[in-house]
């Protein structure tokens, strides 16, 4: 699995190819583990997530502010 950690100096923006790759990885995980639980994709980021047509692939976004406060 490549591209599991990335760096950006602003809001993170998800593209069409990444959206497809994340959805595929999620499905492979579900199939391989045979889980019956919900599997959520979560983004941990310093600056947040830029909203676009593919940003809904993440069910939750955790920012540095969420972790350490203001």
PDB file of N, CA and C in Angstrom:
ATOM      1  N   UNK A   1       0.846  -1.172   0.000  1.00  0.00           N
ATOM      2  CA  UNK A   1       0.000   0.000   0.000  1.00  0.00           C
ATOM      3  C   UNK A   1       0.892   1.236   0.000  1.00  0.00           C
ATOM      4  N   UNK A   2       0.855   2.004  -1.029  1.00  0.00           N
ATOM      5  CA  UNK A   2       1.592   3.263  -1.048  1.00  0.00           C
ATOM      6  C   UNK A   2       0.627   4.405  -0.786  1.00  0.00           C
ATOM      7  N   UNK A   3       1.159   5.584  -0.644  1.00  0.00           N
ATOM      8  CA  UNK A   3       0.337   6.787  -0.466  1.00  0.00           C
ATOM      9  C   UNK A   3      -0.534   6.761   0.785  1.00  0.00           C
ATOM     10  N   UNK A   4      -0.066   6.169   1.870  1.00  0.00           N
ATOM     11  CA  UNK A   4      -0.875   6.189   3.075  1.00  0.00           C
ATOM     12  C   UNK A   4      -0.562   7.387   3.938  1.00  0.00           C
ATOM     13  N   UNK A   5       0.544   8.073   3.684  1.00  0.00           N
ATOM     14  CA  UNK A   5       0.873   9.275   4.432  1.00  0.00           C
ATOM     15  C   UNK A   5       1.355  10.335   3.446  1.00  0.00           C
ATOM     16  N   UNK A   6       0.782  11.535   3.560  1.00  0.00           N
ATOM     17  CA  UNK A   6       1.134  12.621   2.647  1.00  0.00           C
ATOM     18  C   UNK A   6       1.347  13.892   3.445  1.00  0.00           C
ATOM     19  N   UNK A   7       2.007  14.870   2.829  1.00  0.00           N
ATOM     20  CA  UNK A   7       2.242  16.155   3.473  1.00  0.00           C
ATOM     21  C   UNK A   7       1.681  17.258   2.595  1.00  0.00           C
ATOM     22  N   UNK A   8       1.042  18.231   3.238  1.00  0.00           N
ATOM     23  CA  UNK A   8       0.546  19.407   2.528  1.00  0.00           C
ATOM     24  C   UNK A   8       0.630  20.603   3.471  1.00  0.00           C
ATOM     25  N   UNK A   9       0.795  21.785   2.907  1.00  0.00           N
ATOM     26  CA  UNK A   9       0.888  22.996   3.721  1.00  0.00           C
ATOM     27  C   UNK A   9      -0.429  23.762   3.760  1.00  0.00           C
ATOM     28  N   UNK A  10      -1.507  23.105   3.488  1.00  0.00           N
ATOM     29  CA  UNK A  10      -2.825  23.726   3.521  1.00  0.00           C
ATOM     30  C   UNK A  10      -3.880  22.641   3.639  1.00  0.00           C
ATOM     31  N   UNK A  11      -5.119  23.010   3.390  1.00  0.00           N
ATOM     32  CA  UNK A  11      -6.192  22.016   3.433  1.00  0.00           C
ATOM     33  C   UNK A  11      -5.894  20.892   2.449  1.00  0.00           C
ATOM     34  N   UNK A  12      -6.237  19.692   2.845  1.00  0.00           N
ATOM     35  CA  UNK A  12      -6.000  18.534   1.981  1.00  0.00           C
ATOM     36  C   UNK A  12      -7.144  18.396   0.998  1.00  0.00           C
ATOM     37  N   UNK A  13      -6.821  18.132  -0.240  1.00  0.00           N
ATOM     38  CA  UNK A  13      -7.828  17.992  -1.286  1.00  0.00           C
ATOM     39  C   UNK A  13      -7.765  16.580  -1.864  1.00  0.00           C
ATOM     40  N   UNK A  14      -8.896  15.907  -1.872  1.00  0.00           N
ATOM     41  CA  UNK A  14      -9.001  14.551  -2.407  1.00  0.00           C
ATOM     42  C   UNK A  14      -9.342  14.634  -3.888  1.00  0.00           C
ATOM     43  N   UNK A  15      -8.661  13.842  -4.686  1.00  0.00           N
ATOM     44  CA  UNK A  15      -8.945  13.795  -6.121  1.00  0.00           C
ATOM     45  C   UNK A  15      -9.727  12.542  -6.488  1.00  0.00           C
ATOM     46  N   UNK A  16     -10.137  12.480  -7.727  1.00  0.00           N
ATOM     47  CA  UNK A  16     -10.940  11.370  -8.229  1.00  0.00           C
ATOM     48  C   UNK A  16     -10.220  10.028  -8.070  1.00  0.00           C
ATOM     49  N   UNK A  17      -8.928   9.978  -8.437  1.00  0.00           N
ATOM     50  CA  UNK A  17      -8.169   8.726  -8.349  1.00  0.00           C
ATOM     51  C   UNK A  17      -8.007   8.264  -6.909  1.00  0.00           C
ATOM     52  N   UNK A  18      -7.752   9.206  -6.010  1.00  0.00           N
ATOM     53  CA  UNK A  18      -7.599   8.841  -4.597  1.00  0.00           C
ATOM     54  C   UNK A  18      -8.922   8.363  -4.005  1.00  0.00           C
ATOM     55  N   UNK A  19     -10.004   9.008  -4.377  1.00  0.00           N
ATOM     56  CA  UNK A  19     -11.326   8.583  -3.919  1.00  0.00           C
ATOM     57  C   UNK A  19     -11.572   7.122  -4.305  1.00  0.00           C
ATOM     58  N   UNK A  20     -11.301   6.797  -5.548  1.00  0.00           N
ATOM     59  CA  UNK A  20     -11.495   5.434  -6.034  1.00  0.00           C
ATOM     60  C   UNK A  20     -10.578   4.449  -5.297  1.00  0.00           C
ATOM     61  N   UNK A  21      -9.310   4.824  -5.103  1.00  0.00           N
ATOM     62  CA  UNK A  21      -8.359   3.950  -4.409  1.00  0.00           C
ATOM     63  C   UNK A  21      -8.788   3.705  -2.966  1.00  0.00           C
ATOM     64  N   UNK A  22      -9.251   4.741  -2.281  1.00  0.00           N
ATOM     65  CA  UNK A  22      -9.683   4.583  -0.888  1.00  0.00           C
ATOM     66  C   UNK A  22     -10.914   3.683  -0.790  1.00  0.00           C
ATOM     67  N   UNK A  23     -11.861   3.878  -1.691  1.00  0.00           N
ATOM     68  CA  UNK A  23     -13.057   3.035  -1.681  1.00  0.00           C
ATOM     69  C   UNK A  23     -12.700   1.572  -1.966  1.00  0.00           C
ATOM     70  N   UNK A  24     -11.756   1.361  -2.888  1.00  0.00           N
ATOM     71  CA  UNK A  24     -11.314   0.000  -3.194  1.00  0.00           C
ATOM     72  C   UNK A  24     -10.590  -0.629  -2.006  1.00  0.00           C
ATOM     73  N   UNK A  25      -9.686   0.121  -1.365  1.00  0.00           N
ATOM     74  CA  UNK A  25      -8.975  -0.397  -0.189  1.00  0.00           C
ATOM     75  C   UNK A  25      -9.939  -0.763   0.926  1.00  0.00           C
ATOM     76  N   UNK A  26     -10.943   0.087   1.130  1.00  0.00           N
ATOM     77  CA  UNK A  26     -11.948  -0.190   2.158  1.00  0.00           C
ATOM     78  C   UNK A  26     -12.672  -1.496   1.847  1.00  0.00           C
ATOM     79  N   UNK A  27     -13.054  -1.693   0.597  1.00  0.00           N
ATOM     80  CA  UNK A  27     -13.774  -2.906   0.218  1.00  0.00           C
ATOM     81  C   UNK A  27     -12.893  -4.151   0.336  1.00  0.00           C
ATOM     82  N   UNK A  28     -11.624  -4.040  -0.043  1.00  0.00           N
ATOM     83  CA  UNK A  28     -10.697  -5.163   0.109  1.00  0.00           C
ATOM     84  C   UNK A  28     -10.563  -5.524   1.579  1.00  0.00           C
ATOM     85  N   UNK A  29     -10.436  -4.527   2.457  1.00  0.00           N
ATOM     86  CA  UNK A  29     -10.340  -4.781   3.892  1.00  0.00           C
ATOM     87  C   UNK A  29     -11.575  -5.520   4.394  1.00  0.00           C
ATOM     88  N   UNK A  30     -12.746  -5.054   3.998  1.00  0.00           N
ATOM     89  CA  UNK A  30     -13.997  -5.687   4.417  1.00  0.00           C
ATOM     90  C   UNK A  30     -14.052  -7.133   3.924  1.00  0.00           C
ATOM     91  N   UNK A  31     -13.690  -7.344   2.685  1.00  0.00           N
ATOM     92  CA  UNK A  31     -13.726  -8.697   2.116  1.00  0.00           C
ATOM     93  C   UNK A  31     -12.715  -9.625   2.786  1.00  0.00           C
ATOM     94  N   UNK A  32     -11.490  -9.143   3.000  1.00  0.00           N
ATOM     95  CA  UNK A  32     -10.434  -9.975   3.561  1.00  0.00           C
ATOM     96  C   UNK A  32     -10.679 -10.312   5.035  1.00  0.00           C
ATOM     97  N   UNK A  33     -11.178  -9.356   5.791  1.00  0.00           N
ATOM     98  CA  UNK A  33     -11.393  -9.580   7.224  1.00  0.00           C
ATOM     99  C   UNK A  33     -12.765 -10.177   7.513  1.00  0.00           C
ATOM    100  N   UNK A  34     -13.641 -10.117   6.504  1.00  0.00           N
ATOM    101  CA  UNK A  34     -15.016 -10.596   6.663  1.00  0.00           C
ATOM    102  C   UNK A  34     -15.739  -9.926   7.837  1.00  0.00           C
ATOM    103  N   UNK A  35     -15.366  -8.681   8.062  1.00  0.00           N
ATOM    104  CA  UNK A  35     -15.988  -7.944   9.156  1.00  0.00           C
ATOM    105  C   UNK A  35     -17.451  -7.667   8.849  1.00  0.00           C
ATOM    106  N   UNK A  36     -18.232  -7.638   9.899  1.00  0.00           N
ATOM    107  CA  UNK A  36     -19.640  -7.261   9.764  1.00  0.00           C
ATOM    108  C   UNK A  36     -19.868  -5.899  10.414  1.00  0.00           C
ATOM    109  N   UNK A  37     -18.770  -5.299  10.815  1.00  0.00           N
ATOM    110  CA  UNK A  37     -18.812  -3.974  11.447  1.00  0.00           C
ATOM    111  C   UNK A  37     -18.681  -2.890  10.377  1.00  0.00           C
ATOM    112  N   UNK A  38     -19.047  -1.676  10.746  1.00  0.00           N
ATOM    113  CA  UNK A  38     -18.866  -0.536   9.848  1.00  0.00           C
ATOM    114  C   UNK A  38     -17.385  -0.192   9.765  1.00  0.00           C
ATOM    115  N   UNK A  39     -16.919   0.125   8.589  1.00  0.00           N
ATOM    116  CA  UNK A  39     -15.534   0.541   8.381  1.00  0.00           C
ATOM    117  C   UNK A  39     -15.573   1.982   7.898  1.00  0.00           C
ATOM    118  N   UNK A  40     -14.984   2.880   8.682  1.00  0.00           N
ATOM    119  CA  UNK A  40     -14.994   4.305   8.376  1.00  0.00           C
ATOM    120  C   UNK A  40     -13.611   4.765   7.952  1.00  0.00           C
ATOM    121  N   UNK A  41     -13.565   5.610   6.951  1.00  0.00           N
ATOM    122  CA  UNK A  41     -12.314   6.235   6.543  1.00  0.00           C
ATOM    123  C   UNK A  41     -12.207   7.560   7.279  1.00  0.00           C
ATOM    124  N   UNK A  42     -11.083   7.744   7.970  1.00  0.00           N
ATOM    125  CA  UNK A  42     -10.860   8.941   8.788  1.00  0.00           C
ATOM    126  C   UNK A  42      -9.579   9.614   8.325  1.00  0.00           C
ATOM    127  N   UNK A  43      -9.622  10.925   8.157  1.00  0.00           N
ATOM    128  CA  UNK A  43      -8.452  11.710   7.775  1.00  0.00           C
ATOM    129  C   UNK A  43      -7.944  12.443   9.006  1.00  0.00           C
ATOM    130  N   UNK A  44      -6.668  12.287   9.307  1.00  0.00           N
ATOM    131  CA  UNK A  44      -6.024  13.046  10.377  1.00  0.00           C
ATOM    132  C   UNK A  44      -5.123  14.058   9.689  1.00  0.00           C
ATOM    133  N   UNK A  45      -5.398  15.333   9.932  1.00  0.00           N
ATOM    134  CA  UNK A  45      -4.737  16.396   9.177  1.00  0.00           C
ATOM    135  C   UNK A  45      -4.459  17.605  10.055  1.00  0.00           C
ATOM    136  N   UNK A  46      -3.465  18.362   9.672  1.00  0.00           N
ATOM    137  CA  UNK A  46      -3.147  19.591  10.400  1.00  0.00           C
ATOM    138  C   UNK A  46      -4.106  20.707  10.027  1.00  0.00           C
ATOM    139  N   UNK A  47      -4.424  20.828   8.747  1.00  0.00           N
ATOM    140  CA  UNK A  47      -5.139  22.003   8.251  1.00  0.00           C
ATOM    141  C   UNK A  47      -6.581  21.775   7.842  1.00  0.00           C
ATOM    142  N   UNK A  48      -7.045  20.569   7.827  1.00  0.00           N
ATOM    143  CA  UNK A  48      -8.428  20.325   7.451  1.00  0.00           C
ATOM    144  C   UNK A  48      -8.555  19.743   6.054  1.00  0.00           C
ATOM    145  N   UNK A  49      -9.776  19.557   5.637  1.00  0.00           N
ATOM    146  CA  UNK A  49     -10.092  18.935   4.354  1.00  0.00           C
ATOM    147  C   UNK A  49     -10.829  19.930   3.467  1.00  0.00           C
ATOM    148  N   UNK A  50     -10.309  20.144   2.278  1.00  0.00           N
ATOM    149  CA  UNK A  50     -10.988  21.009   1.303  1.00  0.00           C
ATOM    150  C   UNK A  50     -12.209  20.260   0.777  1.00  0.00           C
ATOM    151  N   UNK A  51     -13.341  20.914   0.788  1.00  0.00           N
ATOM    152  CA  UNK A  51     -14.579  20.291   0.321  1.00  0.00           C
ATOM    153  C   UNK A  51     -14.633  20.313  -1.205  1.00  0.00           C
ATOM    154  N   UNK A  52     -14.843  19.140  -1.783  1.00  0.00           N
ATOM    155  CA  UNK A  52     -15.051  19.025  -3.216  1.00  0.00           C
ATOM    156  C   UNK A  52     -15.931  17.798  -3.459  1.00  0.00           C
ATOM    157  N   UNK A  53     -16.100  17.397  -4.680  1.00  0.00           N
ATOM    158  CA  UNK A  53     -17.034  16.299  -4.967  1.00  0.00           C
ATOM    159  C   UNK A  53     -16.547  14.953  -4.447  1.00  0.00           C
ATOM    160  N   UNK A  54     -15.239  14.823  -4.103  1.00  0.00           N
ATOM    161  CA  UNK A  54     -14.697  13.551  -3.624  1.00  0.00           C
ATOM    162  C   UNK A  54     -14.389  13.553  -2.129  1.00  0.00           C
ATOM    163  N   UNK A  55     -14.543  14.673  -1.458  1.00  0.00           N
ATOM    164  CA  UNK A  55     -14.179  14.748  -0.039  1.00  0.00           C
ATOM    165  C   UNK A  55     -15.105  13.922   0.854  1.00  0.00           C
ATOM    166  N   UNK A  56     -16.249  13.529   0.355  1.00  0.00           N
ATOM    167  CA  UNK A  56     -17.178  12.745   1.174  1.00  0.00           C
ATOM    168  C   UNK A  56     -16.707  11.312   1.390  1.00  0.00           C
ATOM    169  N   UNK A  57     -15.596  10.930   0.768  1.00  0.00           N
ATOM    170  CA  UNK A  57     -15.047   9.584   0.983  1.00  0.00           C
ATOM    171  C   UNK A  57     -14.653   9.406   2.452  1.00  0.00           C
ATOM    172  N   UNK A  58     -14.308  10.501   3.123  1.00  0.00           N
ATOM    173  CA  UNK A  58     -13.950  10.449   4.546  1.00  0.00           C
ATOM    174  C   UNK A  58     -15.192  10.674   5.406  1.00  0.00           C
ATOM    175  N   UNK A  59     -15.433   9.758   6.342  1.00  0.00           N
ATOM    176  CA  UNK A  59     -16.574   9.904   7.234  1.00  0.00           C
ATOM    177  C   UNK A  59     -16.277  10.856   8.386  1.00  0.00           C
ATOM    178  N   UNK A  60     -14.984  11.039   8.689  1.00  0.00           N
ATOM    179  CA  UNK A  60     -14.607  11.918   9.783  1.00  0.00           C
ATOM    180  C   UNK A  60     -13.255  12.538   9.479  1.00  0.00           C
ATOM    181  N   UNK A  61     -13.064  13.772   9.941  1.00  0.00           N
ATOM    182  CA  UNK A  61     -11.796  14.475   9.784  1.00  0.00           C
ATOM    183  C   UNK A  61     -11.362  14.944  11.162  1.00  0.00           C
ATOM    184  N   UNK A  62     -10.152  14.572  11.547  1.00  0.00           N
ATOM    185  CA  UNK A  62      -9.587  14.981  12.826  1.00  0.00           C
ATOM    186  C   UNK A  62      -8.446  15.943  12.536  1.00  0.00           C
ATOM    187  N   UNK A  63      -8.496  17.142  13.123  1.00  0.00           N
ATOM    188  CA  UNK A  63      -7.449  18.133  12.901  1.00  0.00           C
ATOM    189  C   UNK A  63      -6.539  18.218  14.122  1.00  0.00           C
ATOM    190  N   UNK A  64      -5.414  18.886  13.937  1.00  0.00           N
ATOM    191  CA  UNK A  64      -4.483  19.094  15.043  1.00  0.00           C
ATOM    192  C   UNK A  64      -5.187  19.828  16.184  1.00  0.00           C
ATOM    193  N   UNK A  65      -6.054  20.761  15.841  1.00  0.00           N
ATOM    194  CA  UNK A  65      -6.806  21.490  16.867  1.00  0.00           C
ATOM    195  C   UNK A  65      -7.676  20.554  17.693  1.00  0.00           C
ATOM    196  N   UNK A  66      -8.264  19.551  17.059  1.00  0.00           N
ATOM    197  CA  UNK A  66      -9.063  18.561  17.780  1.00  0.00           C
ATOM    198  C   UNK A  66      -8.193  17.788  18.785  1.00  0.00           C
ATOM    199  N   UNK A  67      -6.951  17.539  18.406  1.00  0.00           N
ATOM    200  CA  UNK A  67      -6.059  16.740  19.244  1.00  0.00           C
ATOM    201  C   UNK A  67      -5.442  17.534  20.399  1.00  0.00           C
ATOM    202  N   UNK A  68      -5.047  18.797  20.120  1.00  0.00           N
ATOM    203  CA  UNK A  68      -4.335  19.560  21.146  1.00  0.00           C
ATOM    204  C   UNK A  68      -5.087  20.787  21.628  1.00  0.00           C
ATOM    205  N   UNK A  69      -6.202  21.108  21.025  1.00  0.00           N
ATOM    206  CA  UNK A  69      -6.987  22.274  21.421  1.00  0.00           C
ATOM    207  C   UNK A  69      -6.421  23.548  20.805  1.00  0.00           C
ATOM    208  N   UNK A  70      -7.053  24.655  21.134  1.00  0.00           N
ATOM    209  CA  UNK A  70      -6.621  25.944  20.590  1.00  0.00           C
ATOM    210  C   UNK A  70      -5.431  26.484  21.313  1.00  0.00           C
TER     211      UNK A  70
END
